[in-house]
Structures are given as C-alpha cells and as structure tokens.
Amino acid sequence: MSDTQQLWNDYAACWSAEPADRVAALGAVAAHEVAYRDPGTEVAGLTELAAYMAGFAAAFPGHRFRIDEVLEHHDRSLARWTQLDAHGTAASTGISAARHHEDGSLADITGFFLPA
C-alpha cells in the first residue's frame, strides 16, 4: 500500500472517529489550515472540518468510509470512496480530490458525490 493510500485510509477513518479523538486524528493527516468543500459545505481549518465530520457522524450513525482506489502525481491525489452503513452495505459513492501540503498532508480537499 502506498503512503498516499494509507493517508487517505487514515483520513477516511476520521469521519467515524470518536469525538474526543477526531481533531488529533485529523491533525495527523491534514494541514492545520486544511480547506474542505463538498456540494453542501465549505470549511477551513482542522476544528471546522472536525465539527463538520461530527455532524456527519450524528446524521449517519455507524457509517464509515472505505477508500477503494487512490491515484496520485506531483502534489495531488484522487480517492474513490464508498460510504458504508452500519451493516457494511454501500450507502453512497464518490470521489475526493486533494492538493497536498509540502509535508505530504492533505491541504485542500474537494469531495464529489456520484449519482446512484
């Protein structure tokens, strides 16, 4: 597994992390000034992104993300993912693209939801 694949796996785990651990887990994979956007939101910084993730966890109890494929070059990567419900059944799919910070962490993330 590539370092970038592991980075995306660790980032995906942040979405279902315990609330007390989420900011620290996110800080291990994302730049402090990380920018995040998807069709429903745009946030900046670890604290705002962690709060958005907490809202997701509350709205979708027991759900988690699985990273299915990662493509990378230069300071960019693209991750294809599946949102799994509490029973492990696919609930949705999407793609997230990121620009990486010079230290390799995720610096600017954009998520796209694929049609069902």
C-alpha atoms as a PDB file:
ATOM      1  CA  MET A   1       0.000   0.000   0.000  1.00  0.00           C
ATOM      2  CA  SER A   2       1.366   3.417  -0.925  1.00  0.00           C
ATOM      3  CA  ASP A   3       1.854   6.163   1.647  1.00  0.00           C
ATOM      4  CA  THR A   4      -0.864   8.165  -0.099  1.00  0.00           C
ATOM      5  CA  GLN A   5      -3.302   5.241   0.078  1.00  0.00           C
ATOM      6  CA  GLN A   6      -2.585   4.981   3.820  1.00  0.00           C
ATOM      7  CA  LEU A   7      -3.045   8.738   4.207  1.00  0.00           C
ATOM      8  CA  TRP A   8      -6.489   8.530   2.577  1.00  0.00           C
ATOM      9  CA  ASN A   9      -7.406   5.489   4.689  1.00  0.00           C
ATOM     10  CA  ASP A  10      -6.448   7.379   7.850  1.00  0.00           C
ATOM     11  CA  TYR A  11      -8.386  10.452   6.667  1.00  0.00           C
ATOM     12  CA  ALA A  12     -11.458   8.310   5.954  1.00  0.00           C
ATOM     13  CA  ALA A  13     -11.264   6.905   9.489  1.00  0.00           C
ATOM     14  CA  CYS A  14     -11.528  10.458  10.872  1.00  0.00           C
ATOM     15  CA  TRP A  15     -15.146  10.626   9.696  1.00  0.00           C
ATOM     16  CA  SER A  16     -16.157   7.881  12.122  1.00  0.00           C
ATOM     17  CA  ALA A  17     -13.560   8.532  14.849  1.00  0.00           C
ATOM     18  CA  GLU A  18     -14.530   9.010  18.472  1.00  0.00           C
ATOM     19  CA  PRO A  19     -15.360  12.695  19.045  1.00  0.00           C
ATOM     20  CA  ALA A  20     -12.566  13.149  21.605  1.00  0.00           C
ATOM     21  CA  ASP A  21     -10.012  11.733  19.150  1.00  0.00           C
ATOM     22  CA  ARG A  22     -11.190  13.342  15.910  1.00  0.00           C
ATOM     23  CA  VAL A  23      -9.161  16.594  15.894  1.00  0.00           C
ATOM     24  CA  ALA A  24      -5.928  14.791  16.777  1.00  0.00           C
ATOM     25  CA  ALA A  25      -6.561  12.075  14.170  1.00  0.00           C
ATOM     26  CA  LEU A  26      -7.344  14.706  11.570  1.00  0.00           C
ATOM     27  CA  GLY A  27      -4.230  16.679  12.526  1.00  0.00           C
ATOM     28  CA  ALA A  28      -2.130  13.607  11.764  1.00  0.00           C
ATOM     29  CA  VAL A  29      -3.281  13.570   8.119  1.00  0.00           C
ATOM     30  CA  ALA A  30      -4.271  17.138   7.262  1.00  0.00           C
ATOM     31  CA  ALA A  31      -2.569  20.514   7.380  1.00  0.00           C
ATOM     32  CA  HIS A  32      -3.665  22.811  10.217  1.00  0.00           C
ATOM     33  CA  GLU A  33      -5.130  25.231   7.657  1.00  0.00           C
ATOM     34  CA  VAL A  34      -6.830  22.470   5.614  1.00  0.00           C
ATOM     35  CA  ALA A  35      -9.642  23.598   3.316  1.00  0.00           C
ATOM     36  CA  TYR A  36     -12.559  21.250   2.671  1.00  0.00           C
ATOM     37  CA  ARG A  37     -15.558  21.523   0.388  1.00  0.00           C
ATOM     38  CA  ASP A  38     -18.311  19.302  -0.921  1.00  0.00           C
ATOM     39  CA  PRO A  39     -21.647  20.203  -2.531  1.00  0.00           C
ATOM     40  CA  GLY A  40     -23.148  21.043   0.883  1.00  0.00           C
ATOM     41  CA  THR A  41     -20.389  22.929   2.667  1.00  0.00           C
ATOM     42  CA  GLU A  42     -17.086  24.736   2.644  1.00  0.00           C
ATOM     43  CA  VAL A  43     -14.971  24.841   5.813  1.00  0.00           C
ATOM     44  CA  ALA A  44     -11.445  25.866   6.744  1.00  0.00           C
ATOM     45  CA  GLY A  45      -9.112  24.546   9.428  1.00  0.00           C
ATOM     46  CA  LEU A  46      -8.934  21.377  11.473  1.00  0.00           C
ATOM     47  CA  THR A  47     -11.523  22.490  14.032  1.00  0.00           C
ATOM     48  CA  GLU A  48     -14.174  23.399  11.454  1.00  0.00           C
ATOM     49  CA  LEU A  49     -13.576  20.215   9.471  1.00  0.00           C
ATOM     50  CA  ALA A  50     -13.745  18.103  12.638  1.00  0.00           C
ATOM     51  CA  ALA A  51     -17.048  19.792  13.555  1.00  0.00           C
ATOM     52  CA  TYR A  52     -18.419  19.054  10.080  1.00  0.00           C
ATOM     53  CA  MET A  53     -17.328  15.427  10.450  1.00  0.00           C
ATOM     54  CA  ALA A  54     -19.096  15.293  13.835  1.00  0.00           C
ATOM     55  CA  GLY A  55     -22.291  16.468  12.148  1.00  0.00           C
ATOM     56  CA  PHE A  56     -21.916  13.712   9.562  1.00  0.00           C
ATOM     57  CA  ALA A  57     -21.395  11.096  12.284  1.00  0.00           C
ATOM     58  CA  ALA A  58     -24.519  12.292  14.097  1.00  0.00           C
ATOM     59  CA  ALA A  59     -26.599  12.259  10.902  1.00  0.00           C
ATOM     60  CA  PHE A  60     -25.328   8.829   9.804  1.00  0.00           C
ATOM     61  CA  PRO A  61     -24.702   6.749  12.961  1.00  0.00           C
ATOM     62  CA  GLY A  62     -22.484   3.744  12.358  1.00  0.00           C
ATOM     63  CA  HIS A  63     -21.472   4.824   8.850  1.00  0.00           C
ATOM     64  CA  ARG A  64     -17.870   4.864   7.700  1.00  0.00           C
ATOM     65  CA  PHE A  65     -15.899   5.449   4.533  1.00  0.00           C
ATOM     66  CA  ARG A  66     -13.837   2.889   2.639  1.00  0.00           C
ATOM     67  CA  ILE A  67     -11.170   4.099   0.232  1.00  0.00           C
ATOM     68  CA  ASP A  68     -11.450   1.985  -2.909  1.00  0.00           C
ATOM     69  CA  GLU A  69      -8.734   3.465  -5.114  1.00  0.00           C
ATOM     70  CA  VAL A  70      -6.128   6.232  -4.975  1.00  0.00           C
ATOM     71  CA  LEU A  71      -4.409   7.928  -7.883  1.00  0.00           C
ATOM     72  CA  GLU A  72      -1.564  10.364  -7.329  1.00  0.00           C
ATOM     73  CA  HIS A  73       1.009  12.549  -9.019  1.00  0.00           C
ATOM     74  CA  HIS A  74       3.018  15.607  -8.072  1.00  0.00           C
ATOM     75  CA  ASP A  75       1.286  17.197  -5.067  1.00  0.00           C
ATOM     76  CA  ARG A  76      -2.222  15.931  -5.945  1.00  0.00           C
ATOM     77  CA  SER A  77      -4.253  12.826  -5.305  1.00  0.00           C
ATOM     78  CA  LEU A  78      -7.687  11.474  -6.067  1.00  0.00           C
ATOM     79  CA  ALA A  79      -9.525   8.941  -3.922  1.00  0.00           C
ATOM     80  CA  ARG A  80     -12.553   6.911  -4.981  1.00  0.00           C
ATOM     81  CA  TRP A  81     -14.590   6.004  -1.892  1.00  0.00           C
ATOM     82  CA  THR A  82     -17.689   4.182  -0.712  1.00  0.00           C
ATOM     83  CA  GLN A  83     -19.800   5.236   2.255  1.00  0.00           C
ATOM     84  CA  LEU A  84     -20.808   2.095   4.151  1.00  0.00           C
ATOM     85  CA  ASP A  85     -23.749   1.887   6.535  1.00  0.00           C
ATOM     86  CA  ALA A  86     -23.635   0.202   9.942  1.00  0.00           C
ATOM     87  CA  HIS A  87     -24.139  -3.200   8.261  1.00  0.00           C
ATOM     88  CA  GLY A  88     -21.329  -2.695   5.725  1.00  0.00           C
ATOM     89  CA  THR A  89     -23.713  -2.081   2.826  1.00  0.00           C
ATOM     90  CA  ALA A  90     -22.833   0.647   0.320  1.00  0.00           C
ATOM     91  CA  ALA A  91     -24.902   3.763   1.010  1.00  0.00           C
ATOM     92  CA  SER A  92     -23.210   6.101  -1.493  1.00  0.00           C
ATOM     93  CA  THR A  93     -20.056   6.519  -3.549  1.00  0.00           C
ATOM     94  CA  GLY A  94     -17.914   9.445  -4.506  1.00  0.00           C
ATOM     95  CA  ILE A  95     -14.549  10.866  -5.373  1.00  0.00           C
ATOM     96  CA  SER A  96     -12.394  13.262  -3.395  1.00  0.00           C
ATOM     97  CA  ALA A  97      -9.501  15.222  -4.844  1.00  0.00           C
ATOM     98  CA  ALA A  98      -6.760  16.823  -2.780  1.00  0.00           C
ATOM     99  CA  ARG A  99      -3.785  19.084  -3.057  1.00  0.00           C
ATOM    100  CA  HIS A 100      -1.096  18.099  -0.582  1.00  0.00           C
ATOM    101  CA  HIS A 101       0.883  20.380   1.716  1.00  0.00           C
ATOM    102  CA  GLU A 102       4.655  20.352   1.250  1.00  0.00           C
ATOM    103  CA  ASP A 103       4.880  17.895   4.182  1.00  0.00           C
ATOM    104  CA  GLY A 104       2.579  15.468   2.324  1.00  0.00           C
ATOM    105  CA  SER A 105      -0.531  16.058   4.447  1.00  0.00           C
ATOM    106  CA  LEU A 106      -3.895  16.911   2.883  1.00  0.00           C
ATOM    107  CA  ALA A 107      -4.146  20.672   2.385  1.00  0.00           C
ATOM    108  CA  ASP A 108      -7.166  21.270   0.136  1.00  0.00           C
ATOM    109  CA  ILE A 109      -9.863  18.602  -0.251  1.00  0.00           C
ATOM    110  CA  THR A 110     -12.875  18.628  -2.561  1.00  0.00           C
ATOM    111  CA  GLY A 111     -15.478  15.874  -2.345  1.00  0.00           C
ATOM    112  CA  PHE A 112     -17.880  14.845  -5.094  1.00  0.00           C
ATOM    113  CA  PHE A 113     -20.854  12.505  -4.656  1.00  0.00           C
ATOM    114  CA  LEU A 114     -21.512  10.159  -7.576  1.00  0.00           C
ATOM    115  CA  PRO A 115     -25.095   9.589  -8.762  1.00  0.00           C
ATOM    116  CA  ALA A 116     -26.740   6.384  -7.586  1.00  0.00           C
END
